[in-house]
Amino acid sequence: MAPRLGIQELIGHKLIDQDGHSVGKIGQVYRDDQTQEPTWVTVHTGMFGHQESFVPLVGAEVTEQDLRVPFSKKMIKDSPRFETGGHLSPEQEAQLYEHYGVRPKVPGPRGDVEGVAEQERAQQKEETSMTVSEERARIGVERTESGHARVHKTVEREEFEQDVPVRREELRIEREPVTGEEQAAATDRIGEQDQEITLHEERAVVGKEEVPVERVRISKEEVTDTERVKGELRKEHLEVEEEEEEGP
């Protein structure tokens, strides 16, 4: 594994945002006037890298060849613009810290820039730190097709029977004798004679008509159920073991 670069050697290398995206190349390193600790770097942004943005080194981590900071690319590009090449005033630093939502001189994770600077100055005090991480579940839902419904109307035939009253005409014959004056006045002579009577009757007839009897509305609605999800998350733990030195 290649050794980590020192803070000054990072100039010209990539600055990586919190999501692993390259923001641009590091342009300058700014140190505190009193402690000489590195506190800011500038990164070339904008079209063709003609602009420089200030990025605090709070929580920054030096990788093998690049510098990773806990800020998004958009936040870095939207940071307040100040002229580079000189000193940052306390007011300018306050604006920048407020934009990034951090406070100065907050200890960073293992391999941070402040630790690298201390090693460069070869101070006698030695310390180390380690970042403990854990996985967190991101649970969401996705919408998929679960089926199709088709509505089809068919025609069924149904037999029916019904009694219907009908009327008809029948002949009724009545006979009565002719007597007295009626016989004297009669002019009929013996011979053939025809008369016609029309008889009528009713018959049941069936007519059909289409009549709407029911309206059916079909729609869909959302029903909320509960599904149990299971998974496995990893979590890191630290174990510290002290080794006792053997006496002479």
C-alpha atoms as a PDB file:
ATOM      1  CA  MET A   1       0.000   0.000   0.000  1.00  0.00           C
ATOM      2  CA  ALA A   2       1.372   3.412  -0.938  1.00  0.00           C
ATOM      3  CA  PRO A   3       1.972   5.792   2.007  1.00  0.00           C
ATOM      4  CA  ARG A   4      -0.438   8.637   2.626  1.00  0.00           C
ATOM      5  CA  LEU A   5       0.615  11.970   1.237  1.00  0.00           C
ATOM      6  CA  GLY A   6       1.478  14.891   3.486  1.00  0.00           C
ATOM      7  CA  ILE A   7      -0.787  17.947   3.541  1.00  0.00           C
ATOM      8  CA  GLN A   8       1.455  20.022   1.301  1.00  0.00           C
ATOM      9  CA  GLU A   9       1.822  17.170  -1.155  1.00  0.00           C
ATOM     10  CA  LEU A  10      -1.947  17.105  -1.675  1.00  0.00           C
ATOM     11  CA  ILE A  11      -1.802  20.220  -3.846  1.00  0.00           C
ATOM     12  CA  GLY A  12      -2.796  19.205  -7.366  1.00  0.00           C
ATOM     13  CA  HIS A  13      -4.513  16.034  -6.192  1.00  0.00           C
ATOM     14  CA  LYS A  14      -8.277  15.421  -6.202  1.00  0.00           C
ATOM     15  CA  LEU A  15     -10.717  16.585  -3.547  1.00  0.00           C
ATOM     16  CA  ILE A  16     -13.436  13.948  -3.058  1.00  0.00           C
ATOM     17  CA  ASP A  17     -16.864  14.792  -1.581  1.00  0.00           C
ATOM     18  CA  GLN A  18     -18.806  12.739   0.947  1.00  0.00           C
ATOM     19  CA  ASP A  19     -20.454  10.645  -1.789  1.00  0.00           C
ATOM     20  CA  GLY A  20     -17.172   9.763  -3.482  1.00  0.00           C
ATOM     21  CA  HIS A  21     -17.542  12.289  -6.323  1.00  0.00           C
ATOM     22  CA  SER A  22     -14.559  14.283  -7.522  1.00  0.00           C
ATOM     23  CA  VAL A  23     -15.024  17.997  -6.832  1.00  0.00           C
ATOM     24  CA  GLY A  24     -11.820  19.248  -8.454  1.00  0.00           C
ATOM     25  CA  LYS A  25      -8.109  19.620  -7.839  1.00  0.00           C
ATOM     26  CA  ILE A  26      -6.692  21.087  -4.646  1.00  0.00           C
ATOM     27  CA  GLY A  27      -5.152  24.494  -5.254  1.00  0.00           C
ATOM     28  CA  GLN A  28      -3.808  25.907  -1.953  1.00  0.00           C
ATOM     29  CA  VAL A  29      -3.451  24.985   1.721  1.00  0.00           C
ATOM     30  CA  TYR A  30      -4.256  27.584   4.378  1.00  0.00           C
ATOM     31  CA  ARG A  31      -2.738  27.278   7.863  1.00  0.00           C
ATOM     32  CA  ASP A  32      -3.671  28.907  11.135  1.00  0.00           C
ATOM     33  CA  ASP A  33      -1.474  31.958  11.757  1.00  0.00           C
ATOM     34  CA  GLN A  34      -0.810  30.971  15.383  1.00  0.00           C
ATOM     35  CA  THR A  35      -0.695  27.173  15.448  1.00  0.00           C
ATOM     36  CA  GLN A  36       0.377  26.691  11.824  1.00  0.00           C
ATOM     37  CA  GLU A  37      -2.086  23.821  11.597  1.00  0.00           C
ATOM     38  CA  PRO A  38      -3.729  23.377   8.184  1.00  0.00           C
ATOM     39  CA  THR A  39      -7.340  24.530   8.432  1.00  0.00           C
ATOM     40  CA  TRP A  40      -8.482  25.196   4.855  1.00  0.00           C
ATOM     41  CA  VAL A  41      -7.819  24.057   1.325  1.00  0.00           C
ATOM     42  CA  THR A  42      -9.037  25.564  -1.899  1.00  0.00           C
ATOM     43  CA  VAL A  43     -10.390  23.484  -4.751  1.00  0.00           C
ATOM     44  CA  HIS A  44     -10.736  24.455  -8.397  1.00  0.00           C
ATOM     45  CA  THR A  45     -14.414  24.362  -9.421  1.00  0.00           C
ATOM     46  CA  GLY A  46     -16.566  25.835 -12.147  1.00  0.00           C
ATOM     47  CA  MET A  47     -16.102  25.591 -15.888  1.00  0.00           C
ATOM     48  CA  PHE A  48     -12.524  24.553 -16.662  1.00  0.00           C
ATOM     49  CA  GLY A  49     -11.666  24.981 -12.939  1.00  0.00           C
ATOM     50  CA  HIS A  50     -11.366  28.765 -13.151  1.00  0.00           C
ATOM     51  CA  GLN A  51     -12.998  29.283  -9.726  1.00  0.00           C
ATOM     52  CA  GLU A  52     -11.675  28.316  -6.316  1.00  0.00           C
ATOM     53  CA  SER A  53     -13.813  27.366  -3.321  1.00  0.00           C
ATOM     54  CA  PHE A  54     -12.670  27.209   0.307  1.00  0.00           C
ATOM     55  CA  VAL A  55     -13.224  23.878   2.093  1.00  0.00           C
ATOM     56  CA  PRO A  56     -12.597  23.378   5.836  1.00  0.00           C
ATOM     57  CA  LEU A  57     -10.379  20.494   6.872  1.00  0.00           C
ATOM     58  CA  VAL A  58     -12.621  19.600   9.796  1.00  0.00           C
ATOM     59  CA  GLY A  59     -13.273  15.868   9.506  1.00  0.00           C
ATOM     60  CA  ALA A  60     -11.210  15.591   6.312  1.00  0.00           C
ATOM     61  CA  GLU A  61      -9.523  12.268   5.600  1.00  0.00           C
ATOM     62  CA  VAL A  62      -6.375  11.694   3.573  1.00  0.00           C
ATOM     63  CA  THR A  63      -6.610   8.666   1.316  1.00  0.00           C
ATOM     64  CA  GLU A  64      -3.641   7.166  -0.509  1.00  0.00           C
ATOM     65  CA  GLN A  65      -3.582   9.859  -3.182  1.00  0.00           C
ATOM     66  CA  ASP A  66      -6.547  12.193  -2.530  1.00  0.00           C
ATOM     67  CA  LEU A  67      -8.357  14.134   0.183  1.00  0.00           C
ATOM     68  CA  ARG A  68     -11.913  13.276   1.161  1.00  0.00           C
ATOM     69  CA  VAL A  69     -14.134  15.778   3.000  1.00  0.00           C
ATOM     70  CA  PRO A  70     -17.517  15.238   4.695  1.00  0.00           C
ATOM     71  CA  PHE A  71     -19.374  17.708   2.465  1.00  0.00           C
ATOM     72  CA  SER A  72     -21.349  17.414  -0.766  1.00  0.00           C
ATOM     73  CA  LYS A  73     -20.098  18.701  -4.092  1.00  0.00           C
ATOM     74  CA  LYS A  74     -23.018  21.126  -4.321  1.00  0.00           C
ATOM     75  CA  MET A  75     -22.321  22.572  -0.860  1.00  0.00           C
ATOM     76  CA  ILE A  76     -18.699  23.183  -1.817  1.00  0.00           C
ATOM     77  CA  LYS A  77     -19.635  24.894  -5.080  1.00  0.00           C
ATOM     78  CA  ASP A  78     -22.242  27.057  -3.313  1.00  0.00           C
ATOM     79  CA  SER A  79     -19.835  28.210  -0.583  1.00  0.00           C
ATOM     80  CA  PRO A  80     -19.067  31.954  -0.162  1.00  0.00           C
ATOM     81  CA  ARG A  81     -16.426  33.221  -2.605  1.00  0.00           C
ATOM     82  CA  PHE A  82     -13.358  35.053  -1.345  1.00  0.00           C
ATOM     83  CA  GLU A  83     -10.178  36.085  -3.089  1.00  0.00           C
ATOM     84  CA  THR A  84      -7.471  33.467  -2.768  1.00  0.00           C
ATOM     85  CA  GLY A  85      -3.793  34.074  -2.243  1.00  0.00           C
ATOM     86  CA  GLY A  86      -4.092  36.148   0.930  1.00  0.00           C
ATOM     87  CA  HIS A  87      -5.389  35.666   4.455  1.00  0.00           C
ATOM     88  CA  LEU A  88      -8.931  34.798   5.506  1.00  0.00           C
ATOM     89  CA  SER A  89     -10.303  37.296   7.984  1.00  0.00           C
ATOM     90  CA  PRO A  90     -12.158  36.069  11.091  1.00  0.00           C
ATOM     91  CA  GLU A  91     -15.392  37.327   9.531  1.00  0.00           C
ATOM     92  CA  GLN A  92     -14.758  35.381   6.323  1.00  0.00           C
ATOM     93  CA  GLU A  93     -13.905  32.234   8.275  1.00  0.00           C
ATOM     94  CA  ALA A  94     -17.122  32.631  10.297  1.00  0.00           C
ATOM     95  CA  GLN A  95     -19.166  32.860   7.094  1.00  0.00           C
ATOM     96  CA  LEU A  96     -17.519  29.742   5.723  1.00  0.00           C
ATOM     97  CA  TYR A  97     -17.936  27.738   8.929  1.00  0.00           C
ATOM     98  CA  GLU A  98     -21.594  28.773   9.090  1.00  0.00           C
ATOM     99  CA  HIS A  99     -22.125  27.683   5.476  1.00  0.00           C
ATOM    100  CA  TYR A 100     -20.613  24.257   6.097  1.00  0.00           C
ATOM    101  CA  GLY A 101     -22.354  23.918   9.462  1.00  0.00           C
ATOM    102  CA  VAL A 102     -19.195  23.009  11.386  1.00  0.00           C
ATOM    103  CA  ARG A 103     -17.155  24.513  14.168  1.00  0.00           C
ATOM    104  CA  PRO A 104     -13.399  24.989  13.921  1.00  0.00           C
ATOM    105  CA  LYS A 105     -10.907  22.617  15.477  1.00  0.00           C
ATOM    106  CA  VAL A 106     -13.234  19.644  15.766  1.00  0.00           C
ATOM    107  CA  PRO A 107     -11.161  16.434  15.853  1.00  0.00           C
ATOM    108  CA  GLY A 108     -11.475  14.427  12.672  1.00  0.00           C
ATOM    109  CA  PRO A 109     -11.346  10.664  12.029  1.00  0.00           C
ATOM    110  CA  ARG A 110      -8.249   8.562  11.653  1.00  0.00           C
ATOM    111  CA  GLY A 111      -5.967   9.798   8.912  1.00  0.00           C
ATOM    112  CA  ASP A 112      -7.377  13.338   9.072  1.00  0.00           C
ATOM    113  CA  VAL A 113      -5.338  16.315   7.919  1.00  0.00           C
ATOM    114  CA  GLU A 114      -4.695  17.670  11.421  1.00  0.00           C
ATOM    115  CA  GLY A 115      -3.107  14.336  12.399  1.00  0.00           C
ATOM    116  CA  VAL A 116      -0.914  14.356   9.310  1.00  0.00           C
ATOM    117  CA  ALA A 117       0.274  17.876  10.158  1.00  0.00           C
ATOM    118  CA  GLU A 118       1.187  16.804  13.675  1.00  0.00           C
ATOM    119  CA  GLN A 119       3.247  13.962  12.290  1.00  0.00           C
ATOM    120  CA  GLU A 120       5.000  16.372   9.935  1.00  0.00           C
ATOM    121  CA  ARG A 121       5.978  18.585  12.864  1.00  0.00           C
ATOM    122  CA  ALA A 122       7.268  15.444  14.664  1.00  0.00           C
ATOM    123  CA  GLN A 123       5.693  16.306  17.972  1.00  0.00           C
ATOM    124  CA  GLN A 124       6.499  14.030  20.886  1.00  0.00           C
ATOM    125  CA  LYS A 125       2.859  13.387  21.774  1.00  0.00           C
ATOM    126  CA  GLU A 126       1.435  10.393  19.945  1.00  0.00           C
ATOM    127  CA  GLU A 127      -2.252   9.634  19.587  1.00  0.00           C
ATOM    128  CA  THR A 128      -4.509   7.732  17.237  1.00  0.00           C
ATOM    129  CA  SER A 129      -8.199   7.469  16.530  1.00  0.00           C
ATOM    130  CA  MET A 130     -10.415   5.062  14.674  1.00  0.00           C
ATOM    131  CA  THR A 131     -13.783   5.479  13.034  1.00  0.00           C
ATOM    132  CA  VAL A 132     -16.449   2.975  14.044  1.00  0.00           C
ATOM    133  CA  SER A 133     -19.137   2.464  11.431  1.00  0.00           C
ATOM    134  CA  GLU A 134     -22.362   0.566  11.222  1.00  0.00           C
ATOM    135  CA  GLU A 135     -24.839  -0.294   8.503  1.00  0.00           C
ATOM    136  CA  ARG A 136     -28.310   1.167   8.569  1.00  0.00           C
ATOM    137  CA  ALA A 137     -31.253  -0.214   6.641  1.00  0.00           C
ATOM    138  CA  ARG A 138     -32.962   1.968   4.064  1.00  0.00           C
ATOM    139  CA  ILE A 139     -36.426   0.491   3.651  1.00  0.00           C
ATOM    140  CA  GLY A 140     -38.754   1.694   0.937  1.00  0.00           C
ATOM    141  CA  VAL A 141     -41.472   0.397  -1.325  1.00  0.00           C
ATOM    142  CA  GLU A 142     -41.698  -0.075  -5.058  1.00  0.00           C
ATOM    143  CA  ARG A 143     -44.829  -0.173  -7.195  1.00  0.00           C
ATOM    144  CA  THR A 144     -45.249  -3.212  -9.445  1.00  0.00           C
ATOM    145  CA  GLU A 145     -48.093  -4.739 -11.425  1.00  0.00           C
ATOM    146  CA  SER A 146     -49.893  -7.442  -9.454  1.00  0.00           C
ATOM    147  CA  GLY A 147     -52.483  -8.499 -12.006  1.00  0.00           C
ATOM    148  CA  HIS A 148     -55.096  -7.467 -14.569  1.00  0.00           C
ATOM    149  CA  ALA A 149     -58.890  -7.465 -14.436  1.00  0.00           C
ATOM    150  CA  ARG A 150     -61.081  -7.767 -17.513  1.00  0.00           C
ATOM    151  CA  VAL A 151     -64.812  -7.075 -17.491  1.00  0.00           C
ATOM    152  CA  HIS A 152     -66.831  -9.194 -19.931  1.00  0.00           C
ATOM    153  CA  LYS A 153     -70.625  -9.256 -20.339  1.00  0.00           C
ATOM    154  CA  THR A 154     -72.348 -12.420 -21.578  1.00  0.00           C
ATOM    155  CA  VAL A 155     -75.949 -13.229 -22.577  1.00  0.00           C
ATOM    156  CA  GLU A 156     -77.805 -16.077 -20.905  1.00  0.00           C
ATOM    157  CA  ARG A 157     -81.118 -17.605 -22.054  1.00  0.00           C
ATOM    158  CA  GLU A 158     -83.782 -18.256 -19.467  1.00  0.00           C
ATOM    159  CA  GLU A 159     -86.990 -20.191 -20.089  1.00  0.00           C
ATOM    160  CA  PHE A 160     -90.213 -18.760 -18.677  1.00  0.00           C
ATOM    161  CA  GLU A 161     -93.867 -19.839 -18.428  1.00  0.00           C
ATOM    162  CA  GLN A 162     -96.867 -17.671 -17.626  1.00  0.00           C
ATOM    163  CA  ASP A 163    -100.642 -18.214 -17.796  1.00  0.00           C
ATOM    164  CA  VAL A 164    -102.424 -15.582 -19.875  1.00  0.00           C
ATOM    165  CA  PRO A 165    -106.278 -15.353 -19.905  1.00  0.00           C
ATOM    166  CA  VAL A 166    -107.660 -15.313 -23.477  1.00  0.00           C
ATOM    167  CA  ARG A 167    -111.243 -14.932 -24.731  1.00  0.00           C
ATOM    168  CA  ARG A 168    -113.011 -16.531 -27.659  1.00  0.00           C
ATOM    169  CA  GLU A 169    -116.458 -16.424 -29.155  1.00  0.00           C
ATOM    170  CA  GLU A 170    -118.593 -19.588 -29.348  1.00  0.00           C
ATOM    171  CA  LEU A 171    -121.950 -20.208 -30.983  1.00  0.00           C
ATOM    172  CA  ARG A 172    -124.972 -20.375 -28.749  1.00  0.00           C
ATOM    173  CA  ILE A 173    -128.157 -21.806 -30.274  1.00  0.00           C
ATOM    174  CA  GLU A 174    -131.582 -20.982 -28.811  1.00  0.00           C
ATOM    175  CA  ARG A 175    -134.815 -22.432 -30.179  1.00  0.00           C
ATOM    176  CA  GLU A 176    -138.289 -21.034 -29.566  1.00  0.00           C
ATOM    177  CA  PRO A 177    -141.618 -21.914 -31.207  1.00  0.00           C
ATOM    178  CA  VAL A 178    -143.454 -19.561 -33.564  1.00  0.00           C
ATOM    179  CA  THR A 179    -147.151 -19.289 -32.742  1.00  0.00           C
ATOM    180  CA  GLY A 180    -150.260 -17.214 -33.259  1.00  0.00           C
ATOM    181  CA  GLU A 181    -149.793 -13.915 -35.038  1.00  0.00           C
ATOM    182  CA  GLU A 182    -146.143 -14.628 -35.781  1.00  0.00           C
ATOM    183  CA  GLN A 183    -147.145 -17.653 -37.918  1.00  0.00           C
ATOM    184  CA  ALA A 184    -149.701 -15.554 -39.805  1.00  0.00           C
ATOM    185  CA  ALA A 185    -147.219 -12.785 -40.453  1.00  0.00           C
ATOM    186  CA  ALA A 186    -144.340 -15.041 -41.503  1.00  0.00           C
ATOM    187  CA  THR A 187    -143.249 -14.631 -45.121  1.00  0.00           C
ATOM    188  CA  ASP A 188    -140.440 -17.183 -45.192  1.00  0.00           C
ATOM    189  CA  ARG A 189    -140.798 -19.954 -47.735  1.00  0.00           C
ATOM    190  CA  ILE A 190    -139.333 -23.358 -47.705  1.00  0.00           C
ATOM    191  CA  GLY A 191    -135.942 -23.388 -49.365  1.00  0.00           C
ATOM    192  CA  GLU A 192    -132.182 -23.249 -48.771  1.00  0.00           C
ATOM    193  CA  GLN A 193    -130.758 -20.197 -46.996  1.00  0.00           C
ATOM    194  CA  ASP A 194    -127.307 -19.298 -45.731  1.00  0.00           C
ATOM    195  CA  GLN A 195    -126.212 -16.733 -43.152  1.00  0.00           C
ATOM    196  CA  GLU A 196    -122.658 -16.167 -41.868  1.00  0.00           C
ATOM    197  CA  ILE A 197    -121.511 -15.268 -38.374  1.00  0.00           C
ATOM    198  CA  THR A 198    -117.854 -14.357 -37.686  1.00  0.00           C
ATOM    199  CA  LEU A 199    -116.385 -15.795 -34.520  1.00  0.00           C
ATOM    200  CA  HIS A 200    -113.374 -14.228 -32.750  1.00  0.00           C
ATOM    201  CA  GLU A 201    -110.870 -15.505 -30.253  1.00  0.00           C
ATOM    202  CA  GLU A 202    -107.796 -14.113 -28.433  1.00  0.00           C
ATOM    203  CA  ARG A 203    -104.401 -15.709 -28.670  1.00  0.00           C
ATOM    204  CA  ALA A 204    -101.392 -15.121 -26.396  1.00  0.00           C
ATOM    205  CA  VAL A 205     -98.539 -13.409 -28.169  1.00  0.00           C
ATOM    206  CA  VAL A 206     -95.024 -12.711 -26.800  1.00  0.00           C
ATOM    207  CA  GLY A 207     -93.211  -9.460 -27.523  1.00  0.00           C
ATOM    208  CA  LYS A 208     -89.722  -8.554 -26.308  1.00  0.00           C
ATOM    209  CA  GLU A 209     -88.186  -5.283 -25.292  1.00  0.00           C
ATOM    210  CA  GLU A 210     -84.773  -4.445 -23.805  1.00  0.00           C
ATOM    211  CA  VAL A 211     -84.980  -2.716 -20.458  1.00  0.00           C
ATOM    212  CA  PRO A 212     -81.918  -1.687 -18.359  1.00  0.00           C
ATOM    213  CA  VAL A 213     -82.259  -3.184 -14.906  1.00  0.00           C
ATOM    214  CA  GLU A 214     -78.907  -2.598 -13.188  1.00  0.00           C
ATOM    215  CA  ARG A 215     -75.811  -0.381 -13.483  1.00  0.00           C
ATOM    216  CA  VAL A 216     -72.506  -1.867 -12.316  1.00  0.00           C
ATOM    217  CA  ARG A 217     -69.564   0.412 -11.580  1.00  0.00           C
ATOM    218  CA  ILE A 218     -66.104  -1.122 -11.426  1.00  0.00           C
ATOM    219  CA  SER A 219     -63.151   0.811  -9.962  1.00  0.00           C
ATOM    220  CA  LYS A 220     -59.922   0.132  -8.124  1.00  0.00           C
ATOM    221  CA  GLU A 221     -58.815   1.306  -4.701  1.00  0.00           C
ATOM    222  CA  GLU A 222     -55.605   1.142  -2.712  1.00  0.00           C
ATOM    223  CA  VAL A 223     -55.534  -1.121   0.311  1.00  0.00           C
ATOM    224  CA  THR A 224     -52.682  -0.813   2.797  1.00  0.00           C
ATOM    225  CA  ASP A 225     -51.196  -4.021   4.151  1.00  0.00           C
ATOM    226  CA  THR A 226     -48.110  -4.628   6.255  1.00  0.00           C
ATOM    227  CA  GLU A 227     -45.169  -6.678   5.072  1.00  0.00           C
ATOM    228  CA  ARG A 228     -42.378  -7.731   7.397  1.00  0.00           C
ATOM    229  CA  VAL A 229     -38.879  -7.334   6.010  1.00  0.00           C
ATOM    230  CA  LYS A 230     -35.849  -9.086   7.397  1.00  0.00           C
ATOM    231  CA  GLY A 231     -32.205  -8.469   6.796  1.00  0.00           C
ATOM    232  CA  GLU A 232     -28.798  -8.371   8.361  1.00  0.00           C
ATOM    233  CA  LEU A 233     -26.807  -5.272   9.278  1.00  0.00           C
ATOM    234  CA  ARG A 234     -23.135  -5.129  10.206  1.00  0.00           C
ATOM    235  CA  LYS A 235     -21.800  -3.041  13.067  1.00  0.00           C
ATOM    236  CA  GLU A 236     -18.196  -2.471  14.049  1.00  0.00           C
ATOM    237  CA  HIS A 237     -16.949  -2.784  17.620  1.00  0.00           C
ATOM    238  CA  LEU A 238     -13.602  -1.820  19.050  1.00  0.00           C
ATOM    239  CA  GLU A 239     -11.551  -4.009  21.334  1.00  0.00           C
ATOM    240  CA  VAL A 240      -8.482  -2.516  22.967  1.00  0.00           C
ATOM    241  CA  GLU A 241      -5.759  -4.834  24.242  1.00  0.00           C
ATOM    242  CA  GLU A 242      -2.870  -3.564  26.254  1.00  0.00           C
ATOM    243  CA  GLU A 243       0.447  -5.396  26.118  1.00  0.00           C
ATOM    244  CA  GLU A 244       2.610  -5.249  29.162  1.00  0.00           C
ATOM    245  CA  GLU A 245       6.304  -4.913  28.564  1.00  0.00           C
ATOM    246  CA  GLU A 246       8.472  -7.503  30.257  1.00  0.00           C
ATOM    247  CA  GLY A 247      10.938  -6.176  32.777  1.00  0.00           C
ATOM    248  CA  PRO A 248      14.681  -6.487  32.331  1.00  0.00           C
END
